[in-house]
Amino acid sequence: MTIWAAEVEVERRPDLPARRRAAEHAVQTLDRDDPAWRAAMNELQAVLTEAREATA
């Protein structure tokens, strides 16, 4: 239920889907050795954490 609530929160807020899409794109296109790849992974985690905290 928590995962579902976080996904709804991501879609409900205009800023979060755009941040998630950009981070997902970077993760999928960058080499894992690139520091930007780690930054993108951190951004994905930040988006999900923000959404979970908003629903708690």
C-alpha atoms as a PDB file:
ATOM      1  CA  MET A   1       0.000   0.000   0.000  1.00  0.00           C
ATOM      2  CA  THR A   2       2.885   2.361   0.802  1.00  0.00           C
ATOM      3  CA  ILE A   3       4.426   1.879  -2.648  1.00  0.00           C
ATOM      4  CA  TRP A   4       1.081   2.544  -4.321  1.00  0.00           C
ATOM      5  CA  ALA A   5       0.504   5.681  -2.246  1.00  0.00           C
ATOM      6  CA  ALA A   6       3.959   6.991  -3.161  1.00  0.00           C
ATOM      7  CA  GLU A   7       3.321   6.365  -6.872  1.00  0.00           C
ATOM      8  CA  VAL A   8       0.042   8.265  -6.662  1.00  0.00           C
ATOM      9  CA  GLU A   9       1.829  11.129  -4.903  1.00  0.00           C
ATOM     10  CA  VAL A  10       4.497  11.241  -7.628  1.00  0.00           C
ATOM     11  CA  GLU A  11       1.835  11.514 -10.333  1.00  0.00           C
ATOM     12  CA  ARG A  12      -0.249  13.995  -8.368  1.00  0.00           C
ATOM     13  CA  ARG A  13       2.521  16.565  -8.110  1.00  0.00           C
ATOM     14  CA  PRO A  14       3.708  18.240 -11.321  1.00  0.00           C
ATOM     15  CA  ASP A  15       7.381  18.475 -10.326  1.00  0.00           C
ATOM     16  CA  LEU A  16       7.986  14.866  -9.319  1.00  0.00           C
ATOM     17  CA  PRO A  17       7.202  13.022 -12.587  1.00  0.00           C
ATOM     18  CA  ALA A  18       9.510  15.337 -14.534  1.00  0.00           C
ATOM     19  CA  ARG A  19      12.324  14.843 -12.025  1.00  0.00           C
ATOM     20  CA  ARG A  20      11.819  11.084 -12.070  1.00  0.00           C
ATOM     21  CA  ARG A  21      11.765  10.890 -15.889  1.00  0.00           C
ATOM     22  CA  ALA A  22      14.961  12.929 -16.177  1.00  0.00           C
ATOM     23  CA  ALA A  23      16.738  10.806 -13.586  1.00  0.00           C
ATOM     24  CA  GLU A  24      15.520   7.548 -15.149  1.00  0.00           C
ATOM     25  CA  HIS A  25      16.731   8.705 -18.557  1.00  0.00           C
ATOM     26  CA  ALA A  26      20.163   9.523 -17.149  1.00  0.00           C
ATOM     27  CA  VAL A  27      20.384   6.168 -15.382  1.00  0.00           C
ATOM     28  CA  GLN A  28      19.495   4.334 -18.583  1.00  0.00           C
ATOM     29  CA  THR A  29      21.844   6.266 -20.869  1.00  0.00           C
ATOM     30  CA  LEU A  30      24.923   7.054 -18.786  1.00  0.00           C
ATOM     31  CA  ASP A  31      27.760   4.705 -18.024  1.00  0.00           C
ATOM     32  CA  ARG A  32      27.771   3.484 -14.433  1.00  0.00           C
ATOM     33  CA  ASP A  33      31.293   4.819 -13.996  1.00  0.00           C
ATOM     34  CA  ASP A  34      30.083   8.351 -14.762  1.00  0.00           C
ATOM     35  CA  PRO A  35      29.521  10.379 -11.547  1.00  0.00           C
ATOM     36  CA  ALA A  36      26.343  11.738 -13.133  1.00  0.00           C
ATOM     37  CA  TRP A  37      24.925   8.193 -13.069  1.00  0.00           C
ATOM     38  CA  ARG A  38      25.253   8.101  -9.267  1.00  0.00           C
ATOM     39  CA  ALA A  39      23.715  11.581  -9.045  1.00  0.00           C
ATOM     40  CA  ALA A  40      20.756  10.377 -11.118  1.00  0.00           C
ATOM     41  CA  MET A  41      20.300   7.362  -8.851  1.00  0.00           C
ATOM     42  CA  ASN A  42      20.362   9.686  -5.843  1.00  0.00           C
ATOM     43  CA  GLU A  43      17.728  11.864  -7.516  1.00  0.00           C
ATOM     44  CA  LEU A  44      15.481   8.850  -8.108  1.00  0.00           C
ATOM     45  CA  GLN A  45      15.776   7.948  -4.444  1.00  0.00           C
ATOM     46  CA  ALA A  46      15.072  11.544  -3.423  1.00  0.00           C
ATOM     47  CA  VAL A  47      11.888  11.633  -5.514  1.00  0.00           C
ATOM     48  CA  LEU A  48      10.603   8.420  -3.952  1.00  0.00           C
ATOM     49  CA  THR A  49      11.556   9.526  -0.452  1.00  0.00           C
ATOM     50  CA  GLU A  50       9.797  12.858  -0.939  1.00  0.00           C
ATOM     51  CA  ALA A  51       6.659  11.102  -2.160  1.00  0.00           C
ATOM     52  CA  ARG A  52       6.694   8.589   0.715  1.00  0.00           C
ATOM     53  CA  GLU A  53       7.167  11.333   3.297  1.00  0.00           C
ATOM     54  CA  ALA A  54       4.264  13.285   1.814  1.00  0.00           C
ATOM     55  CA  THR A  55       1.961  10.296   2.266  1.00  0.00           C
ATOM     56  CA  ALA A  56       3.087   9.393   5.798  1.00  0.00           C
END
